[in-house]
């Protein structure tokens, strides 16, 4: 019973303090990429390069074929 009361009090105090302490805002979303040949795409995992070129669809295929690989578009990591 004491534990429940302490948890309730801690929750109330945390809720009150959260209104006074500013928390960092979410990071803004990455800009949308237009699909055209003016972009440079790379698919890498560590030092291994699986694809480098201007075809987004091919880059996505290579990323799916290689677990753990990331898609980098114009120098921005897209996951």
PDB file of N, CA and C in Angstrom:
ATOM      1  N   UNK A   1       0.817  -1.190   0.000  1.00  0.00           N
ATOM      2  CA  UNK A   1       0.000   0.000   0.000  1.00  0.00           C
ATOM      3  C   UNK A   1       0.867   1.262   0.000  1.00  0.00           C
ATOM      4  N   UNK A   2       1.933   1.242   0.786  1.00  0.00           N
ATOM      5  CA  UNK A   2       2.843   2.388   0.839  1.00  0.00           C
ATOM      6  C   UNK A   2       3.494   2.607  -0.527  1.00  0.00           C
ATOM      7  N   UNK A   3       3.874   1.495  -1.196  1.00  0.00           N
ATOM      8  CA  UNK A   3       4.531   1.604  -2.503  1.00  0.00           C
ATOM      9  C   UNK A   3       3.608   2.270  -3.520  1.00  0.00           C
ATOM     10  N   UNK A   4       2.334   1.894  -3.481  1.00  0.00           N
ATOM     11  CA  UNK A   4       1.362   2.468  -4.413  1.00  0.00           C
ATOM     12  C   UNK A   4       1.214   3.966  -4.157  1.00  0.00           C
ATOM     13  N   UNK A   5       1.146   4.336  -2.898  1.00  0.00           N
ATOM     14  CA  UNK A   5       1.037   5.752  -2.547  1.00  0.00           C
ATOM     15  C   UNK A   5       2.263   6.535  -2.991  1.00  0.00           C
ATOM     16  N   UNK A   6       3.448   5.965  -2.771  1.00  0.00           N
ATOM     17  CA  UNK A   6       4.681   6.633  -3.194  1.00  0.00           C
ATOM     18  C   UNK A   6       4.737   6.785  -4.715  1.00  0.00           C
ATOM     19  N   UNK A   7       4.308   5.752  -5.433  1.00  0.00           N
ATOM     20  CA  UNK A   7       4.296   5.827  -6.897  1.00  0.00           C
ATOM     21  C   UNK A   7       3.328   6.905  -7.372  1.00  0.00           C
ATOM     22  N   UNK A   8       2.184   6.995  -6.730  1.00  0.00           N
ATOM     23  CA  UNK A   8       1.196   8.007  -7.096  1.00  0.00           C
ATOM     24  C   UNK A   8       1.733   9.413  -6.838  1.00  0.00           C
ATOM     25  N   UNK A   9       2.341   9.612  -5.695  1.00  0.00           N
ATOM     26  CA  UNK A   9       2.916  10.921  -5.360  1.00  0.00           C
ATOM     27  C   UNK A   9       4.036  11.278  -6.333  1.00  0.00           C
ATOM     28  N   UNK A  10       4.887  10.300  -6.655  1.00  0.00           N
ATOM     29  CA  UNK A  10       5.980  10.552  -7.605  1.00  0.00           C
ATOM     30  C   UNK A  10       5.430  10.922  -8.980  1.00  0.00           C
ATOM     31  N   UNK A  11       4.353  10.272  -9.404  1.00  0.00           N
ATOM     32  CA  UNK A  11       3.739  10.591 -10.691  1.00  0.00           C
ATOM     33  C   UNK A  11       3.173  11.993 -10.726  1.00  0.00           C
ATOM     34  N   UNK A  12       2.528  12.387  -9.643  1.00  0.00           N
ATOM     35  CA  UNK A  12       1.961  13.741  -9.573  1.00  0.00           C
ATOM     36  C   UNK A  12       3.076  14.783  -9.585  1.00  0.00           C
ATOM     37  N   UNK A  13       4.114  14.554  -8.792  1.00  0.00           N
ATOM     38  CA  UNK A  13       5.242  15.497  -8.760  1.00  0.00           C
ATOM     39  C   UNK A  13       5.918  15.568 -10.130  1.00  0.00           C
ATOM     40  N   UNK A  14       6.102  14.419 -10.774  1.00  0.00           N
ATOM     41  CA  UNK A  14       6.702  14.406 -12.112  1.00  0.00           C
ATOM     42  C   UNK A  14       5.856  15.154 -13.123  1.00  0.00           C
ATOM     43  N   UNK A  15       4.535  15.004 -13.038  1.00  0.00           N
ATOM     44  CA  UNK A  15       3.639  15.714 -13.945  1.00  0.00           C
ATOM     45  C   UNK A  15       3.702  17.217 -13.762  1.00  0.00           C
ATOM     46  N   UNK A  16       3.776  17.643 -12.510  1.00  0.00           N
ATOM     47  CA  UNK A  16       3.871  19.083 -12.229  1.00  0.00           C
ATOM     48  C   UNK A  16       5.202  19.641 -12.727  1.00  0.00           C
ATOM     49  N   UNK A  17       6.290  18.931 -12.444  1.00  0.00           N
ATOM     50  CA  UNK A  17       7.607  19.411 -12.876  1.00  0.00           C
ATOM     51  C   UNK A  17       7.744  19.430 -14.399  1.00  0.00           C
ATOM     52  N   UNK A  18       7.077  18.498 -15.079  1.00  0.00           N
ATOM     53  CA  UNK A  18       7.218  18.437 -16.539  1.00  0.00           C
ATOM     54  C   UNK A  18       6.640  19.676 -17.219  1.00  0.00           C
ATOM     55  N   UNK A  19       5.734  20.368 -16.550  1.00  0.00           N
ATOM     56  CA  UNK A  19       5.194  21.603 -17.134  1.00  0.00           C
ATOM     57  C   UNK A  19       6.186  22.754 -17.021  1.00  0.00           C
ATOM     58  N   UNK A  20       7.068  22.705 -16.045  1.00  0.00           N
ATOM     59  CA  UNK A  20       8.024  23.789 -15.832  1.00  0.00           C
ATOM     60  C   UNK A  20       9.354  23.548 -16.516  1.00  0.00           C
ATOM     61  N   UNK A  21       9.701  22.288 -16.750  1.00  0.00           N
ATOM     62  CA  UNK A  21      10.994  21.966 -17.356  1.00  0.00           C
ATOM     63  C   UNK A  21      10.780  21.775 -18.856  1.00  0.00           C
ATOM     64  N   UNK A  22      11.398  22.592 -19.689  1.00  0.00           N
ATOM     65  CA  UNK A  22      11.208  22.429 -21.139  1.00  0.00           C
ATOM     66  C   UNK A  22      11.947  21.189 -21.645  1.00  0.00           C
ATOM     67  N   UNK A  23      11.242  20.348 -22.358  1.00  0.00           N
ATOM     68  CA  UNK A  23      11.850  19.170 -22.956  1.00  0.00           C
ATOM     69  C   UNK A  23      12.209  19.487 -24.402  1.00  0.00           C
ATOM     70  N   UNK A  24      13.238  18.857 -24.936  1.00  0.00           N
ATOM     71  CA  UNK A  24      13.616  19.147 -26.322  1.00  0.00           C
ATOM     72  C   UNK A  24      12.507  18.752 -27.293  1.00  0.00           C
ATOM     73  N   UNK A  25      12.364  19.546 -28.316  1.00  0.00           N
ATOM     74  CA  UNK A  25      11.356  19.280 -29.340  1.00  0.00           C
ATOM     75  C   UNK A  25      11.817  18.124 -30.220  1.00  0.00           C
ATOM     76  N   UNK A  26      10.859  17.539 -30.929  1.00  0.00           N
ATOM     77  CA  UNK A  26      11.198  16.483 -31.875  1.00  0.00           C
ATOM     78  C   UNK A  26      12.053  17.068 -32.996  1.00  0.00           C
ATOM     79  N   UNK A  27      12.926  16.248 -33.534  1.00  0.00           N
ATOM     80  CA  UNK A  27      13.716  16.709 -34.671  1.00  0.00           C
ATOM     81  C   UNK A  27      12.798  16.821 -35.884  1.00  0.00           C
ATOM     82  N   UNK A  28      13.021  17.793 -36.737  1.00  0.00           N
ATOM     83  CA  UNK A  28      12.156  17.947 -37.904  1.00  0.00           C
ATOM     84  C   UNK A  28      12.343  16.770 -38.858  1.00  0.00           C
ATOM     85  N   UNK A  29      11.316  16.425 -39.616  1.00  0.00           N
ATOM     86  CA  UNK A  29      11.447  15.312 -40.553  1.00  0.00           C
ATOM     87  C   UNK A  29      12.435  15.648 -41.664  1.00  0.00           C
ATOM     88  N   UNK A  30      13.018  14.617 -42.227  1.00  0.00           N
ATOM     89  CA  UNK A  30      13.936  14.819 -43.346  1.00  0.00           C
ATOM     90  C   UNK A  30      13.156  15.327 -44.552  1.00  0.00           C
ATOM     91  N   UNK A  31      13.753  16.174 -45.373  1.00  0.00           N
ATOM     92  CA  UNK A  31      13.040  16.674 -46.547  1.00  0.00           C
ATOM     93  C   UNK A  31      12.743  15.541 -47.522  1.00  0.00           C
ATOM     94  N   UNK A  32      11.600  15.649 -48.186  1.00  0.00           N
ATOM     95  CA  UNK A  32      11.193  14.636 -49.159  1.00  0.00           C
ATOM     96  C   UNK A  32      12.099  14.711 -50.386  1.00  0.00           C
ATOM     97  N   UNK A  33      12.476  13.568 -50.903  1.00  0.00           N
ATOM     98  CA  UNK A  33      13.346  13.519 -52.078  1.00  0.00           C
ATOM     99  C   UNK A  33      12.487  13.342 -53.324  1.00  0.00           C
ATOM    100  N   UNK A  34      12.679  14.202 -54.284  1.00  0.00           N
ATOM    101  CA  UNK A  34      12.042  14.027 -55.583  1.00  0.00           C
ATOM    102  C   UNK A  34      12.798  12.925 -56.324  1.00  0.00           C
ATOM    103  N   UNK A  35      12.051  12.023 -56.948  1.00  0.00           N
ATOM    104  CA  UNK A  35      12.696  10.919 -57.655  1.00  0.00           C
ATOM    105  C   UNK A  35      13.090  11.396 -59.046  1.00  0.00           C
ATOM    106  N   UNK A  36      14.357  11.695 -59.223  1.00  0.00           N
ATOM    107  CA  UNK A  36      14.887  12.027 -60.538  1.00  0.00           C
ATOM    108  C   UNK A  36      16.377  11.716 -60.543  1.00  0.00           C
ATOM    109  N   UNK A  37      17.012  11.939 -61.654  1.00  0.00           N
ATOM    110  CA  UNK A  37      18.415  11.538 -61.788  1.00  0.00           C
ATOM    111  C   UNK A  37      19.387  12.557 -61.206  1.00  0.00           C
ATOM    112  N   UNK A  38      18.884  13.669 -60.659  1.00  0.00           N
ATOM    113  CA  UNK A  38      19.802  14.672 -60.132  1.00  0.00           C
ATOM    114  C   UNK A  38      20.272  14.337 -58.718  1.00  0.00           C
ATOM    115  N   UNK A  39      19.776  13.238 -58.152  1.00  0.00           N
ATOM    116  CA  UNK A  39      20.190  12.833 -56.815  1.00  0.00           C
ATOM    117  C   UNK A  39      21.203  11.701 -56.904  1.00  0.00           C
ATOM    118  N   UNK A  40      22.019  11.601 -55.882  1.00  0.00           N
ATOM    119  CA  UNK A  40      23.024  10.538 -55.806  1.00  0.00           C
ATOM    120  C   UNK A  40      22.663   9.644 -54.625  1.00  0.00           C
ATOM    121  N   UNK A  41      22.483   8.357 -54.883  1.00  0.00           N
ATOM    122  CA  UNK A  41      22.099   7.406 -53.847  1.00  0.00           C
ATOM    123  C   UNK A  41      23.236   6.423 -53.610  1.00  0.00           C
ATOM    124  N   UNK A  42      23.424   6.077 -52.336  1.00  0.00           N
ATOM    125  CA  UNK A  42      24.415   5.060 -51.981  1.00  0.00           C
ATOM    126  C   UNK A  42      23.768   4.109 -50.984  1.00  0.00           C
ATOM    127  N   UNK A  43      24.089   2.834 -51.102  1.00  0.00           N
ATOM    128  CA  UNK A  43      23.654   1.838 -50.128  1.00  0.00           C
ATOM    129  C   UNK A  43      24.918   1.225 -49.564  1.00  0.00           C
ATOM    130  N   UNK A  44      25.119   1.398 -48.256  1.00  0.00           N
ATOM    131  CA  UNK A  44      26.351   0.920 -47.631  1.00  0.00           C
ATOM    132  C   UNK A  44      26.042   0.191 -46.329  1.00  0.00           C
ATOM    133  N   UNK A  45      26.990  -0.619 -45.926  1.00  0.00           N
ATOM    134  CA  UNK A  45      26.981  -1.230 -44.593  1.00  0.00           C
ATOM    135  C   UNK A  45      28.425  -1.207 -44.131  1.00  0.00           C
ATOM    136  N   UNK A  46      28.718  -0.282 -43.224  1.00  0.00           N
ATOM    137  CA  UNK A  46      30.107  -0.116 -42.801  1.00  0.00           C
ATOM    138  C   UNK A  46      30.923   0.421 -43.964  1.00  0.00           C
ATOM    139  N   UNK A  47      31.952  -0.328 -44.363  1.00  0.00           N
ATOM    140  CA  UNK A  47      32.786   0.103 -45.487  1.00  0.00           C
ATOM    141  C   UNK A  47      32.363  -0.560 -46.794  1.00  0.00           C
ATOM    142  N   UNK A  48      31.395  -1.482 -46.736  1.00  0.00           N
ATOM    143  CA  UNK A  48      30.929  -2.164 -47.947  1.00  0.00           C
ATOM    144  C   UNK A  48      29.962  -1.265 -48.716  1.00  0.00           C
ATOM    145  N   UNK A  49      30.162  -1.149 -50.009  1.00  0.00           N
ATOM    146  CA  UNK A  49      29.284  -0.355 -50.866  1.00  0.00           C
ATOM    147  C   UNK A  49      28.500  -1.327 -51.747  1.00  0.00           C
ATOM    148  N   UNK A  50      27.162  -1.299 -51.645  1.00  0.00           N
ATOM    149  CA  UNK A  50      26.325  -2.200 -52.427  1.00  0.00           C
ATOM    150  C   UNK A  50      25.754  -1.527 -53.668  1.00  0.00           C
ATOM    151  N   UNK A  51      25.584  -0.210 -53.603  1.00  0.00           N
ATOM    152  CA  UNK A  51      25.063   0.509 -54.765  1.00  0.00           C
ATOM    153  C   UNK A  51      25.485   1.965 -54.674  1.00  0.00           C
ATOM    154  N   UNK A  52      25.784   2.542 -55.818  1.00  0.00           N
ATOM    155  CA  UNK A  52      26.048   3.973 -55.916  1.00  0.00           C
ATOM    156  C   UNK A  52      25.587   4.417 -57.294  1.00  0.00           C
ATOM    157  N   UNK A  53      24.638   5.335 -57.324  1.00  0.00           N
ATOM    158  CA  UNK A  53      24.127   5.801 -58.600  1.00  0.00           C
ATOM    159  C   UNK A  53      22.911   6.689 -58.414  1.00  0.00           C
ATOM    160  N   UNK A  54      22.199   6.941 -59.516  1.00  0.00           N
ATOM    161  CA  UNK A  54      21.080   7.870 -59.502  1.00  0.00           C
ATOM    162  C   UNK A  54      19.710   7.224 -59.491  1.00  0.00           C
ATOM    163  N   UNK A  55      19.621   5.888 -59.402  1.00  0.00           N
ATOM    164  CA  UNK A  55      18.338   5.194 -59.467  1.00  0.00           C
ATOM    165  C   UNK A  55      17.863   4.835 -58.055  1.00  0.00           C
ATOM    166  N   UNK A  56      16.833   5.542 -57.570  1.00  0.00           N
ATOM    167  CA  UNK A  56      16.326   5.312 -56.220  1.00  0.00           C
ATOM    168  C   UNK A  56      15.745   3.915 -56.071  1.00  0.00           C
ATOM    169  N   UNK A  57      15.031   3.441 -57.078  1.00  0.00           N
ATOM    170  CA  UNK A  57      14.398   2.124 -56.977  1.00  0.00           C
ATOM    171  C   UNK A  57      15.447   1.018 -56.870  1.00  0.00           C
ATOM    172  N   UNK A  58      16.524   1.126 -57.621  1.00  0.00           N
ATOM    173  CA  UNK A  58      17.596   0.138 -57.535  1.00  0.00           C
ATOM    174  C   UNK A  58      18.267   0.216 -56.163  1.00  0.00           C
ATOM    175  N   UNK A  59      18.425   1.421 -55.640  1.00  0.00           N
ATOM    176  CA  UNK A  59      19.031   1.580 -54.316  1.00  0.00           C
ATOM    177  C   UNK A  59      18.169   0.915 -53.248  1.00  0.00           C
ATOM    178  N   UNK A  60      16.847   1.067 -53.348  1.00  0.00           N
ATOM    179  CA  UNK A  60      15.956   0.433 -52.376  1.00  0.00           C
ATOM    180  C   UNK A  60      16.019  -1.091 -52.478  1.00  0.00           C
ATOM    181  N   UNK A  61      16.124  -1.605 -53.687  1.00  0.00           N
ATOM    182  CA  UNK A  61      16.239  -3.056 -53.873  1.00  0.00           C
ATOM    183  C   UNK A  61      17.522  -3.565 -53.239  1.00  0.00           C
ATOM    184  N   UNK A  62      18.631  -2.866 -53.469  1.00  0.00           N
ATOM    185  CA  UNK A  62      19.918  -3.284 -52.888  1.00  0.00           C
ATOM    186  C   UNK A  62      19.882  -3.224 -51.363  1.00  0.00           C
ATOM    187  N   UNK A  63      19.183  -2.227 -50.816  1.00  0.00           N
ATOM    188  CA  UNK A  63      19.080  -2.122 -49.358  1.00  0.00           C
ATOM    189  C   UNK A  63      18.282  -3.295 -48.792  1.00  0.00           C
ATOM    190  N   UNK A  64      17.219  -3.708 -49.474  1.00  0.00           N
ATOM    191  CA  UNK A  64      16.422  -4.842 -49.006  1.00  0.00           C
ATOM    192  C   UNK A  64      17.197  -6.148 -49.105  1.00  0.00           C
ATOM    193  N   UNK A  65      18.040  -6.272 -50.118  1.00  0.00           N
ATOM    194  CA  UNK A  65      18.822  -7.499 -50.302  1.00  0.00           C
ATOM    195  C   UNK A  65      19.923  -7.650 -49.257  1.00  0.00           C
ATOM    196  N   UNK A  66      20.340  -6.561 -48.640  1.00  0.00           N
ATOM    197  CA  UNK A  66      21.468  -6.575 -47.704  1.00  0.00           C
ATOM    198  C   UNK A  66      21.019  -6.080 -46.331  1.00  0.00           C
ATOM    199  N   UNK A  67      20.671  -7.006 -45.422  1.00  0.00           N
ATOM    200  CA  UNK A  67      20.220  -6.593 -44.090  1.00  0.00           C
ATOM    201  C   UNK A  67      21.290  -5.763 -43.374  1.00  0.00           C
ATOM    202  N   UNK A  68      20.863  -4.701 -42.735  1.00  0.00           N
ATOM    203  CA  UNK A  68      21.783  -3.830 -42.016  1.00  0.00           C
ATOM    204  C   UNK A  68      22.353  -2.714 -42.869  1.00  0.00           C
ATOM    205  N   UNK A  69      22.085  -2.739 -44.164  1.00  0.00           N
ATOM    206  CA  UNK A  69      22.586  -1.684 -45.050  1.00  0.00           C
ATOM    207  C   UNK A  69      21.717  -0.435 -44.897  1.00  0.00           C
ATOM    208  N   UNK A  70      22.307   0.722 -45.146  1.00  0.00           N
ATOM    209  CA  UNK A  70      21.572   1.980 -45.054  1.00  0.00           C
ATOM    210  C   UNK A  70      21.583   2.688 -46.403  1.00  0.00           C
ATOM    211  N   UNK A  71      20.509   3.419 -46.650  1.00  0.00           N
ATOM    212  CA  UNK A  71      20.379   4.205 -47.874  1.00  0.00           C
ATOM    213  C   UNK A  71      20.797   5.632 -47.565  1.00  0.00           C
ATOM    214  N   UNK A  72      21.737   6.139 -48.332  1.00  0.00           N
ATOM    215  CA  UNK A  72      22.209   7.510 -48.169  1.00  0.00           C
ATOM    216  C   UNK A  72      21.869   8.259 -49.449  1.00  0.00           C
ATOM    217  N   UNK A  73      21.082   9.330 -49.296  1.00  0.00           N
ATOM    218  CA  UNK A  73      20.670  10.121 -50.449  1.00  0.00           C
ATOM    219  C   UNK A  73      21.271  11.509 -50.321  1.00  0.00           C
ATOM    220  N   UNK A  74      22.081  11.887 -51.278  1.00  0.00           N
ATOM    221  CA  UNK A  74      22.725  13.203 -51.286  1.00  0.00           C
ATOM    222  C   UNK A  74      23.458  13.472 -49.971  1.00  0.00           C
ATOM    223  N   UNK A  75      24.074  12.457 -49.417  1.00  0.00           N
ATOM    224  CA  UNK A  75      24.852  12.611 -48.195  1.00  0.00           C
ATOM    225  C   UNK A  75      24.049  12.561 -46.909  1.00  0.00           C
ATOM    226  N   UNK A  76      22.722  12.348 -46.995  1.00  0.00           N
ATOM    227  CA  UNK A  76      21.867  12.280 -45.807  1.00  0.00           C
ATOM    228  C   UNK A  76      21.445  10.834 -45.595  1.00  0.00           C
ATOM    229  N   UNK A  77      21.706  10.313 -44.396  1.00  0.00           N
ATOM    230  CA  UNK A  77      21.353   8.929 -44.076  1.00  0.00           C
ATOM    231  C   UNK A  77      19.838   8.794 -44.014  1.00  0.00           C
ATOM    232  N   UNK A  78      19.286   7.961 -44.883  1.00  0.00           N
ATOM    233  CA  UNK A  78      17.837   7.753 -44.935  1.00  0.00           C
ATOM    234  C   UNK A  78      17.413   6.423 -44.311  1.00  0.00           C
ATOM    235  N   UNK A  79      18.330   5.722 -43.694  1.00  0.00           N
ATOM    236  CA  UNK A  79      17.976   4.478 -43.003  1.00  0.00           C
ATOM    237  C   UNK A  79      18.028   3.261 -43.813  1.00  0.00           C
TER     238      UNK A  79
END
